[in-house]
mmCIF file of all heavy atoms, coordinates in Angstrom:
data_MODEL
# 
_entry.id   MODEL 
# 
loop_
_atom_site.group_PDB 
_atom_site.id 
_atom_site.type_symbol 
_atom_site.label_atom_id 
_atom_site.label_alt_id 
_atom_site.label_comp_id 
_atom_site.label_asym_id 
_atom_site.label_entity_id 
_atom_site.label_seq_id 
_atom_site.pdbx_PDB_ins_code 
_atom_site.Cartn_x 
_atom_site.Cartn_y 
_atom_site.Cartn_z 
_atom_site.occupancy 
_atom_site.B_iso_or_equiv 
_atom_site.pdbx_formal_charge 
_atom_site.auth_seq_id 
_atom_site.auth_comp_id 
_atom_site.auth_asym_id 
_atom_site.auth_atom_id 
_atom_site.pdbx_PDB_model_num 
ATOM 1   N N   . LEU A 1 1  ? 155.238 36.843 86.999 1.00 0.00 ? 1  LEU A N   1 
ATOM 2   C CA  . LEU A 1 1  ? 156.477 37.501 87.082 1.00 0.00 ? 1  LEU A CA  1 
ATOM 3   C C   . LEU A 1 1  ? 157.728 36.539 87.197 1.00 0.00 ? 1  LEU A C   1 
ATOM 4   O O   . LEU A 1 1  ? 158.793 36.830 86.882 1.00 0.00 ? 1  LEU A O   1 
ATOM 5   C CB  . LEU A 1 1  ? 156.478 38.284 88.451 1.00 0.00 ? 1  LEU A CB  1 
ATOM 6   C CG  . LEU A 1 1  ? 155.488 39.586 88.419 1.00 0.00 ? 1  LEU A CG  1 
ATOM 7   C CD1 . LEU A 1 1  ? 155.395 40.167 89.791 1.00 0.00 ? 1  LEU A CD1 1 
ATOM 8   C CD2 . LEU A 1 1  ? 156.016 40.691 87.458 1.00 0.00 ? 1  LEU A CD2 1 
ATOM 9   N N   . VAL A 1 2  ? 157.405 35.349 87.594 1.00 0.00 ? 2  VAL A N   1 
ATOM 10  C CA  . VAL A 1 2  ? 158.443 34.316 87.825 1.00 0.00 ? 2  VAL A CA  1 
ATOM 11  C C   . VAL A 1 2  ? 158.281 33.140 86.762 1.00 0.00 ? 2  VAL A C   1 
ATOM 12  O O   . VAL A 1 2  ? 158.737 32.004 87.072 1.00 0.00 ? 2  VAL A O   1 
ATOM 13  C CB  . VAL A 1 2  ? 158.486 33.845 89.226 1.00 0.00 ? 2  VAL A CB  1 
ATOM 14  C CG1 . VAL A 1 2  ? 158.770 34.763 90.306 1.00 0.00 ? 2  VAL A CG1 1 
ATOM 15  C CG2 . VAL A 1 2  ? 157.211 33.167 89.637 1.00 0.00 ? 2  VAL A CG2 1 
ATOM 16  N N   . SER A 1 3  ? 157.577 33.476 85.740 1.00 0.00 ? 3  SER A N   1 
ATOM 17  C CA  . SER A 1 3  ? 157.230 32.449 84.838 1.00 0.00 ? 3  SER A CA  1 
ATOM 18  C C   . SER A 1 3  ? 158.458 31.754 84.198 1.00 0.00 ? 3  SER A C   1 
ATOM 19  O O   . SER A 1 3  ? 158.372 30.562 83.680 1.00 0.00 ? 3  SER A O   1 
ATOM 20  C CB  . SER A 1 3  ? 156.283 32.927 83.728 1.00 0.00 ? 3  SER A CB  1 
ATOM 21  O OG  . SER A 1 3  ? 156.756 33.958 82.964 1.00 0.00 ? 3  SER A OG  1 
ATOM 22  N N   . MET A 1 4  ? 159.516 32.407 83.962 1.00 0.00 ? 4  MET A N   1 
ATOM 23  C CA  . MET A 1 4  ? 160.681 31.920 83.251 1.00 0.00 ? 4  MET A CA  1 
ATOM 24  C C   . MET A 1 4  ? 161.679 31.117 84.254 1.00 0.00 ? 4  MET A C   1 
ATOM 25  O O   . MET A 1 4  ? 162.707 31.653 84.656 1.00 0.00 ? 4  MET A O   1 
ATOM 26  C CB  . MET A 1 4  ? 161.455 32.997 82.470 1.00 0.00 ? 4  MET A CB  1 
ATOM 27  C CG  . MET A 1 4  ? 162.559 32.358 81.658 1.00 0.00 ? 4  MET A CG  1 
ATOM 28  S SD  . MET A 1 4  ? 163.103 33.620 80.444 1.00 0.00 ? 4  MET A SD  1 
ATOM 29  C CE  . MET A 1 4  ? 161.767 33.762 79.180 1.00 0.00 ? 4  MET A CE  1 
ATOM 30  N N   . ASP A 1 5  ? 161.151 30.067 84.756 1.00 0.00 ? 5  ASP A N   1 
ATOM 31  C CA  . ASP A 1 5  ? 161.902 29.254 85.707 1.00 0.00 ? 5  ASP A CA  1 
ATOM 32  C C   . ASP A 1 5  ? 162.726 28.185 84.920 1.00 0.00 ? 5  ASP A C   1 
ATOM 33  O O   . ASP A 1 5  ? 162.617 28.008 83.694 1.00 0.00 ? 5  ASP A O   1 
ATOM 34  C CB  . ASP A 1 5  ? 160.971 28.343 86.734 1.00 0.00 ? 5  ASP A CB  1 
ATOM 35  C CG  . ASP A 1 5  ? 161.733 28.071 87.949 1.00 0.00 ? 5  ASP A CG  1 
ATOM 36  O OD1 . ASP A 1 5  ? 162.924 28.302 87.963 1.00 0.00 ? 5  ASP A OD1 1 
ATOM 37  O OD2 . ASP A 1 5  ? 161.047 27.540 88.810 1.00 0.00 ? 5  ASP A OD2 1 
ATOM 38  N N   . LYS A 1 6  ? 163.743 27.496 85.647 1.00 0.00 ? 6  LYS A N   1 
ATOM 39  C CA  . LYS A 1 6  ? 164.486 26.571 84.982 1.00 0.00 ? 6  LYS A CA  1 
ATOM 40  C C   . LYS A 1 6  ? 163.739 25.472 84.245 1.00 0.00 ? 6  LYS A C   1 
ATOM 41  O O   . LYS A 1 6  ? 164.063 25.013 83.119 1.00 0.00 ? 6  LYS A O   1 
ATOM 42  C CB  . LYS A 1 6  ? 165.531 25.944 85.917 1.00 0.00 ? 6  LYS A CB  1 
ATOM 43  C CG  . LYS A 1 6  ? 166.473 24.863 85.311 1.00 0.00 ? 6  LYS A CG  1 
ATOM 44  C CD  . LYS A 1 6  ? 167.600 24.446 86.231 1.00 0.00 ? 6  LYS A CD  1 
ATOM 45  C CE  . LYS A 1 6  ? 168.709 25.521 86.345 1.00 0.00 ? 6  LYS A CE  1 
ATOM 46  N NZ  . LYS A 1 6  ? 169.896 24.963 87.047 1.00 0.00 ? 6  LYS A NZ  1 
ATOM 47  N N   . LEU A 1 7  ? 162.763 24.876 84.969 1.00 0.00 ? 7  LEU A N   1 
ATOM 48  C CA  . LEU A 1 7  ? 161.924 23.849 84.484 1.00 0.00 ? 7  LEU A CA  1 
ATOM 49  C C   . LEU A 1 7  ? 160.481 24.293 84.514 1.00 0.00 ? 7  LEU A C   1 
ATOM 50  O O   . LEU A 1 7  ? 159.968 24.750 85.589 1.00 0.00 ? 7  LEU A O   1 
ATOM 51  C CB  . LEU A 1 7  ? 162.054 22.607 85.368 1.00 0.00 ? 7  LEU A CB  1 
ATOM 52  C CG  . LEU A 1 7  ? 161.379 21.369 85.016 1.00 0.00 ? 7  LEU A CG  1 
ATOM 53  C CD1 . LEU A 1 7  ? 161.690 20.819 83.642 1.00 0.00 ? 7  LEU A CD1 1 
ATOM 54  C CD2 . LEU A 1 7  ? 161.389 20.331 86.105 1.00 0.00 ? 7  LEU A CD2 1 
ATOM 55  N N   . THR A 1 8  ? 159.779 24.002 83.338 1.00 0.00 ? 8  THR A N   1 
ATOM 56  C CA  . THR A 1 8  ? 158.354 24.409 83.472 1.00 0.00 ? 8  THR A CA  1 
ATOM 57  C C   . THR A 1 8  ? 157.573 23.205 84.013 1.00 0.00 ? 8  THR A C   1 
ATOM 58  O O   . THR A 1 8  ? 157.709 22.064 83.438 1.00 0.00 ? 8  THR A O   1 
ATOM 59  C CB  . THR A 1 8  ? 157.957 24.512 81.896 1.00 0.00 ? 8  THR A CB  1 
ATOM 60  O OG1 . THR A 1 8  ? 158.607 25.703 81.339 1.00 0.00 ? 8  THR A OG1 1 
ATOM 61  C CG2 . THR A 1 8  ? 156.364 24.792 81.847 1.00 0.00 ? 8  THR A CG2 1 
ATOM 62  N N   . VAL A 1 9  ? 156.958 23.565 85.111 1.00 0.00 ? 9  VAL A N   1 
ATOM 63  C CA  . VAL A 1 9  ? 156.313 22.470 85.899 1.00 0.00 ? 9  VAL A CA  1 
ATOM 64  C C   . VAL A 1 9  ? 155.170 21.834 85.128 1.00 0.00 ? 9  VAL A C   1 
ATOM 65  O O   . VAL A 1 9  ? 155.103 20.611 85.084 1.00 0.00 ? 9  VAL A O   1 
ATOM 66  C CB  . VAL A 1 9  ? 155.834 22.858 87.268 1.00 0.00 ? 9  VAL A CB  1 
ATOM 67  C CG1 . VAL A 1 9  ? 155.081 21.903 88.029 1.00 0.00 ? 9  VAL A CG1 1 
ATOM 68  C CG2 . VAL A 1 9  ? 156.984 23.612 88.047 1.00 0.00 ? 9  VAL A CG2 1 
ATOM 69  N N   . ASN A 1 10 ? 154.392 22.740 84.569 1.00 0.00 ? 10 ASN A N   1 
ATOM 70  C CA  . ASN A 1 10 ? 153.234 22.124 83.842 1.00 0.00 ? 10 ASN A CA  1 
ATOM 71  C C   . ASN A 1 10 ? 153.678 21.699 82.438 1.00 0.00 ? 10 ASN A C   1 
ATOM 72  O O   . ASN A 1 10 ? 153.919 22.520 81.451 1.00 0.00 ? 10 ASN A O   1 
ATOM 73  C CB  . ASN A 1 10 ? 152.081 23.119 83.693 1.00 0.00 ? 10 ASN A CB  1 
ATOM 74  C CG  . ASN A 1 10 ? 151.549 23.419 85.040 1.00 0.00 ? 10 ASN A CG  1 
ATOM 75  O OD1 . ASN A 1 10 ? 151.140 22.459 85.818 1.00 0.00 ? 10 ASN A OD1 1 
ATOM 76  N ND2 . ASN A 1 10 ? 151.327 24.744 85.416 1.00 0.00 ? 10 ASN A ND2 1 
ATOM 77  N N   . ASN A 1 11 ? 153.759 20.375 82.264 1.00 0.00 ? 11 ASN A N   1 
ATOM 78  C CA  . ASN A 1 11 ? 154.369 20.016 80.993 1.00 0.00 ? 11 ASN A CA  1 
ATOM 79  C C   . ASN A 1 11 ? 153.172 19.888 79.820 1.00 0.00 ? 11 ASN A C   1 
ATOM 80  O O   . ASN A 1 11 ? 152.025 19.987 80.130 1.00 0.00 ? 11 ASN A O   1 
ATOM 81  C CB  . ASN A 1 11 ? 155.065 18.575 80.909 1.00 0.00 ? 11 ASN A CB  1 
ATOM 82  C CG  . ASN A 1 11 ? 154.118 17.541 81.595 1.00 0.00 ? 11 ASN A CG  1 
ATOM 83  O OD1 . ASN A 1 11 ? 152.896 17.479 81.397 1.00 0.00 ? 11 ASN A OD1 1 
ATOM 84  N ND2 . ASN A 1 11 ? 154.744 16.584 82.361 1.00 0.00 ? 11 ASN A ND2 1 
ATOM 85  N N   . PHE A 1 12 ? 153.630 19.972 78.563 1.00 0.00 ? 12 PHE A N   1 
ATOM 86  C CA  . PHE A 1 12 ? 152.589 20.048 77.529 1.00 0.00 ? 12 PHE A CA  1 
ATOM 87  C C   . PHE A 1 12 ? 152.904 18.814 76.628 1.00 0.00 ? 12 PHE A C   1 
ATOM 88  O O   . PHE A 1 12 ? 153.806 18.443 76.103 1.00 0.00 ? 12 PHE A O   1 
ATOM 89  C CB  . PHE A 1 12 ? 153.037 21.200 76.538 1.00 0.00 ? 12 PHE A CB  1 
ATOM 90  C CG  . PHE A 1 12 ? 152.215 21.438 75.394 1.00 0.00 ? 12 PHE A CG  1 
ATOM 91  C CD1 . PHE A 1 12 ? 150.781 21.500 75.510 1.00 0.00 ? 12 PHE A CD1 1 
ATOM 92  C CD2 . PHE A 1 12 ? 152.707 21.347 74.044 1.00 0.00 ? 12 PHE A CD2 1 
ATOM 93  C CE1 . PHE A 1 12 ? 150.125 21.677 74.398 1.00 0.00 ? 12 PHE A CE1 1 
ATOM 94  C CE2 . PHE A 1 12 ? 152.052 21.436 73.027 1.00 0.00 ? 12 PHE A CE2 1 
ATOM 95  C CZ  . PHE A 1 12 ? 150.773 21.666 73.100 1.00 0.00 ? 12 PHE A CZ  1 
ATOM 96  N N   . HIS A 1 13 ? 151.788 17.920 76.658 1.00 0.00 ? 13 HIS A N   1 
ATOM 97  C CA  . HIS A 1 13 ? 151.766 16.700 75.944 1.00 0.00 ? 13 HIS A CA  1 
ATOM 98  C C   . HIS A 1 13 ? 152.978 15.817 76.505 1.00 0.00 ? 13 HIS A C   1 
ATOM 99  O O   . HIS A 1 13 ? 153.706 15.215 75.571 1.00 0.00 ? 13 HIS A O   1 
ATOM 100 C CB  . HIS A 1 13 ? 151.859 16.890 74.504 1.00 0.00 ? 13 HIS A CB  1 
ATOM 101 C CG  . HIS A 1 13 ? 150.559 17.361 73.902 1.00 0.00 ? 13 HIS A CG  1 
ATOM 102 N ND1 . HIS A 1 13 ? 149.278 16.715 74.081 1.00 0.00 ? 13 HIS A ND1 1 
ATOM 103 C CD2 . HIS A 1 13 ? 150.249 18.423 73.216 1.00 0.00 ? 13 HIS A CD2 1 
ATOM 104 C CE1 . HIS A 1 13 ? 148.344 17.482 73.583 1.00 0.00 ? 13 HIS A CE1 1 
ATOM 105 N NE2 . HIS A 1 13 ? 148.956 18.568 72.968 1.00 0.00 ? 13 HIS A NE2 1 
ATOM 106 N N   . ASN A 1 14 ? 153.240 15.776 77.697 1.00 0.00 ? 14 ASN A N   1 
ATOM 107 C CA  . ASN A 1 14 ? 154.315 14.946 78.372 1.00 0.00 ? 14 ASN A CA  1 
ATOM 108 C C   . ASN A 1 14 ? 155.689 15.358 77.870 1.00 0.00 ? 14 ASN A C   1 
ATOM 109 O O   . ASN A 1 14 ? 156.631 14.660 78.092 1.00 0.00 ? 14 ASN A O   1 
ATOM 110 C CB  . ASN A 1 14 ? 154.132 13.548 77.989 1.00 0.00 ? 14 ASN A CB  1 
ATOM 111 C CG  . ASN A 1 14 ? 152.945 12.889 78.736 1.00 0.00 ? 14 ASN A CG  1 
ATOM 112 O OD1 . ASN A 1 14 ? 152.590 13.325 79.847 1.00 0.00 ? 14 ASN A OD1 1 
ATOM 113 N ND2 . ASN A 1 14 ? 152.085 12.129 77.972 1.00 0.00 ? 14 ASN A ND2 1 
ATOM 114 N N   . VAL A 1 15 ? 155.841 16.723 77.346 1.00 0.00 ? 15 VAL A N   1 
ATOM 115 C CA  . VAL A 1 15 ? 157.168 17.134 77.168 1.00 0.00 ? 15 VAL A CA  1 
ATOM 116 C C   . VAL A 1 15 ? 157.510 18.373 77.995 1.00 0.00 ? 15 VAL A C   1 
ATOM 117 O O   . VAL A 1 15 ? 156.692 19.361 78.062 1.00 0.00 ? 15 VAL A O   1 
ATOM 118 C CB  . VAL A 1 15 ? 157.237 17.713 75.595 1.00 0.00 ? 15 VAL A CB  1 
ATOM 119 C CG1 . VAL A 1 15 ? 158.626 18.269 75.316 1.00 0.00 ? 15 VAL A CG1 1 
ATOM 120 C CG2 . VAL A 1 15 ? 157.033 16.449 74.561 1.00 0.00 ? 15 VAL A CG2 1 
ATOM 121 N N   . GLN A 1 16 ? 158.481 18.257 78.828 1.00 0.00 ? 16 GLN A N   1 
ATOM 122 C CA  . GLN A 1 16 ? 158.762 19.346 79.761 1.00 0.00 ? 16 GLN A CA  1 
ATOM 123 C C   . GLN A 1 16 ? 159.767 20.346 79.069 1.00 0.00 ? 16 GLN A C   1 
ATOM 124 O O   . GLN A 1 16 ? 160.536 19.959 78.173 1.00 0.00 ? 16 GLN A O   1 
ATOM 125 C CB  . GLN A 1 16 ? 159.533 18.834 80.972 1.00 0.00 ? 16 GLN A CB  1 
ATOM 126 C CG  . GLN A 1 16 ? 158.580 17.976 81.935 1.00 0.00 ? 16 GLN A CG  1 
ATOM 127 C CD  . GLN A 1 16 ? 159.180 17.500 83.116 1.00 0.00 ? 16 GLN A CD  1 
ATOM 128 O OE1 . GLN A 1 16 ? 160.343 17.170 83.244 1.00 0.00 ? 16 GLN A OE1 1 
ATOM 129 N NE2 . GLN A 1 16 ? 158.552 17.604 84.275 1.00 0.00 ? 16 GLN A NE2 1 
ATOM 130 N N   . ILE A 1 17 ? 159.680 21.580 79.467 1.00 0.00 ? 17 ILE A N   1 
ATOM 131 C CA  . ILE A 1 17 ? 160.568 22.682 78.914 1.00 0.00 ? 17 ILE A CA  1 
ATOM 132 C C   . ILE A 1 17 ? 161.688 22.902 79.988 1.00 0.00 ? 17 ILE A C   1 
ATOM 133 O O   . ILE A 1 17 ? 161.403 23.332 81.135 1.00 0.00 ? 17 ILE A O   1 
ATOM 134 C CB  . ILE A 1 17 ? 159.744 23.965 78.657 1.00 0.00 ? 17 ILE A CB  1 
ATOM 135 C CG1 . ILE A 1 17 ? 158.572 23.681 77.779 1.00 0.00 ? 17 ILE A CG1 1 
ATOM 136 C CG2 . ILE A 1 17 ? 160.691 24.953 78.192 1.00 0.00 ? 17 ILE A CG2 1 
ATOM 137 C CD1 . ILE A 1 17 ? 158.885 23.173 76.386 1.00 0.00 ? 17 ILE A CD1 1 
ATOM 138 N N   . LEU A 1 18 ? 162.873 22.608 79.630 1.00 0.00 ? 18 LEU A N   1 
ATOM 139 C CA  . LEU A 1 18 ? 164.024 22.809 80.481 1.00 0.00 ? 18 LEU A CA  1 
ATOM 140 C C   . LEU A 1 18 ? 164.927 24.013 80.026 1.00 0.00 ? 18 LEU A C   1 
ATOM 141 O O   . LEU A 1 18 ? 165.268 24.004 78.734 1.00 0.00 ? 18 LEU A O   1 
ATOM 142 C CB  . LEU A 1 18 ? 164.875 21.627 80.593 1.00 0.00 ? 18 LEU A CB  1 
ATOM 143 C CG  . LEU A 1 18 ? 166.073 21.589 81.534 1.00 0.00 ? 18 LEU A CG  1 
ATOM 144 C CD1 . LEU A 1 18 ? 165.786 21.931 82.993 1.00 0.00 ? 18 LEU A CD1 1 
ATOM 145 C CD2 . LEU A 1 18 ? 166.804 20.271 81.399 1.00 0.00 ? 18 LEU A CD2 1 
ATOM 146 N N   . ARG A 1 19 ? 165.318 24.849 80.900 1.00 0.00 ? 19 ARG A N   1 
ATOM 147 C CA  . ARG A 1 19 ? 166.300 25.926 80.465 1.00 0.00 ? 19 ARG A CA  1 
ATOM 148 C C   . ARG A 1 19 ? 167.585 25.841 81.317 1.00 0.00 ? 19 ARG A C   1 
ATOM 149 O O   . ARG A 1 19 ? 167.699 26.667 82.331 1.00 0.00 ? 19 ARG A O   1 
ATOM 150 C CB  . ARG A 1 19 ? 165.475 27.346 80.783 1.00 0.00 ? 19 ARG A CB  1 
ATOM 151 C CG  . ARG A 1 19 ? 164.204 27.476 80.097 1.00 0.00 ? 19 ARG A CG  1 
ATOM 152 C CD  . ARG A 1 19 ? 163.546 28.775 80.463 1.00 0.00 ? 19 ARG A CD  1 
ATOM 153 N NE  . ARG A 1 19 ? 162.201 28.976 79.799 1.00 0.00 ? 19 ARG A NE  1 
ATOM 154 C CZ  . ARG A 1 19 ? 161.030 28.516 80.144 1.00 0.00 ? 19 ARG A CZ  1 
ATOM 155 N NH1 . ARG A 1 19 ? 160.907 27.931 81.264 1.00 0.00 ? 19 ARG A NH1 1 
ATOM 156 N NH2 . ARG A 1 19 ? 159.946 28.800 79.420 1.00 0.00 ? 19 ARG A NH2 1 
ATOM 157 N N   . PRO A 1 20 ? 168.485 25.028 80.887 1.00 0.00 ? 20 PRO A N   1 
ATOM 158 C CA  . PRO A 1 20 ? 169.618 24.893 81.681 1.00 0.00 ? 20 PRO A CA  1 
ATOM 159 C C   . PRO A 1 20 ? 170.680 25.965 81.645 1.00 0.00 ? 20 PRO A C   1 
ATOM 160 O O   . PRO A 1 20 ? 171.530 25.947 82.502 1.00 0.00 ? 20 PRO A O   1 
ATOM 161 C CB  . PRO A 1 20 ? 170.324 23.641 80.985 1.00 0.00 ? 20 PRO A CB  1 
ATOM 162 C CG  . PRO A 1 20 ? 169.896 23.743 79.602 1.00 0.00 ? 20 PRO A CG  1 
ATOM 163 C CD  . PRO A 1 20 ? 168.403 24.371 79.624 1.00 0.00 ? 20 PRO A CD  1 
ATOM 164 N N   . LEU A 1 21 ? 170.376 27.110 80.935 1.00 0.00 ? 21 LEU A N   1 
ATOM 165 C CA  . LEU A 1 21 ? 171.221 28.121 80.926 1.00 0.00 ? 21 LEU A CA  1 
ATOM 166 C C   . LEU A 1 21 ? 170.744 29.316 81.676 1.00 0.00 ? 21 LEU A C   1 
ATOM 167 O O   . LEU A 1 21 ? 171.174 30.448 81.604 1.00 0.00 ? 21 LEU A O   1 
ATOM 168 C CB  . LEU A 1 21 ? 171.584 28.602 79.408 1.00 0.00 ? 21 LEU A CB  1 
ATOM 169 C CG  . LEU A 1 21 ? 172.123 27.506 78.460 1.00 0.00 ? 21 LEU A CG  1 
ATOM 170 C CD1 . LEU A 1 21 ? 172.261 28.128 77.029 1.00 0.00 ? 21 LEU A CD1 1 
ATOM 171 C CD2 . LEU A 1 21 ? 173.301 26.916 79.043 1.00 0.00 ? 21 LEU A CD2 1 
ATOM 172 N N   . ILE A 1 22 ? 169.631 29.198 82.325 1.00 0.00 ? 22 ILE A N   1 
ATOM 173 C CA  . ILE A 1 22 ? 168.830 30.332 82.859 1.00 0.00 ? 22 ILE A CA  1 
ATOM 174 C C   . ILE A 1 22 ? 169.598 31.143 83.872 1.00 0.00 ? 22 ILE A C   1 
ATOM 175 O O   . ILE A 1 22 ? 169.257 32.217 84.179 1.00 0.00 ? 22 ILE A O   1 
ATOM 176 C CB  . ILE A 1 22 ? 167.436 29.806 83.514 1.00 0.00 ? 22 ILE A CB  1 
ATOM 177 C CG1 . ILE A 1 22 ? 166.526 30.916 83.602 1.00 0.00 ? 22 ILE A CG1 1 
ATOM 178 C CG2 . ILE A 1 22 ? 167.679 29.128 84.682 1.00 0.00 ? 22 ILE A CG2 1 
ATOM 179 C CD1 . ILE A 1 22 ? 166.104 31.581 82.349 1.00 0.00 ? 22 ILE A CD1 1 
ATOM 180 N N   . ASN A 1 23 ? 170.612 30.528 84.430 1.00 0.00 ? 23 ASN A N   1 
ATOM 181 C CA  . ASN A 1 23 ? 171.413 31.271 85.631 1.00 0.00 ? 23 ASN A CA  1 
ATOM 182 C C   . ASN A 1 23 ? 172.726 31.694 84.911 1.00 0.00 ? 23 ASN A C   1 
ATOM 183 O O   . ASN A 1 23 ? 173.692 32.089 85.660 1.00 0.00 ? 23 ASN A O   1 
ATOM 184 C CB  . ASN A 1 23 ? 171.669 30.415 86.711 1.00 0.00 ? 23 ASN A CB  1 
ATOM 185 C CG  . ASN A 1 23 ? 170.421 30.113 87.587 1.00 0.00 ? 23 ASN A CG  1 
ATOM 186 O OD1 . ASN A 1 23 ? 169.532 31.005 87.584 1.00 0.00 ? 23 ASN A OD1 1 
ATOM 187 N ND2 . ASN A 1 23 ? 170.114 28.810 88.022 1.00 0.00 ? 23 ASN A ND2 1 
ATOM 188 N N   . ILE A 1 24 ? 172.978 31.662 83.624 1.00 0.00 ? 24 ILE A N   1 
ATOM 189 C CA  . ILE A 1 24 ? 174.168 31.978 83.042 1.00 0.00 ? 24 ILE A CA  1 
ATOM 190 C C   . ILE A 1 24 ? 174.064 33.282 82.158 1.00 0.00 ? 24 ILE A C   1 
ATOM 191 O O   . ILE A 1 24 ? 172.986 33.485 81.550 1.00 0.00 ? 24 ILE A O   1 
ATOM 192 C CB  . ILE A 1 24 ? 174.694 30.836 81.935 1.00 0.00 ? 24 ILE A CB  1 
ATOM 193 C CG1 . ILE A 1 24 ? 174.864 29.484 82.827 1.00 0.00 ? 24 ILE A CG1 1 
ATOM 194 C CG2 . ILE A 1 24 ? 175.874 31.200 81.245 1.00 0.00 ? 24 ILE A CG2 1 
ATOM 195 C CD1 . ILE A 1 24 ? 175.115 28.335 81.998 1.00 0.00 ? 24 ILE A CD1 1 
# 
């Protein structure tokens, strides 16, 4: 339910997923 956070904690091959617009 809360999977779309600003930063994906579990990175994939050392690449993190960042969503800097998630509160816009």
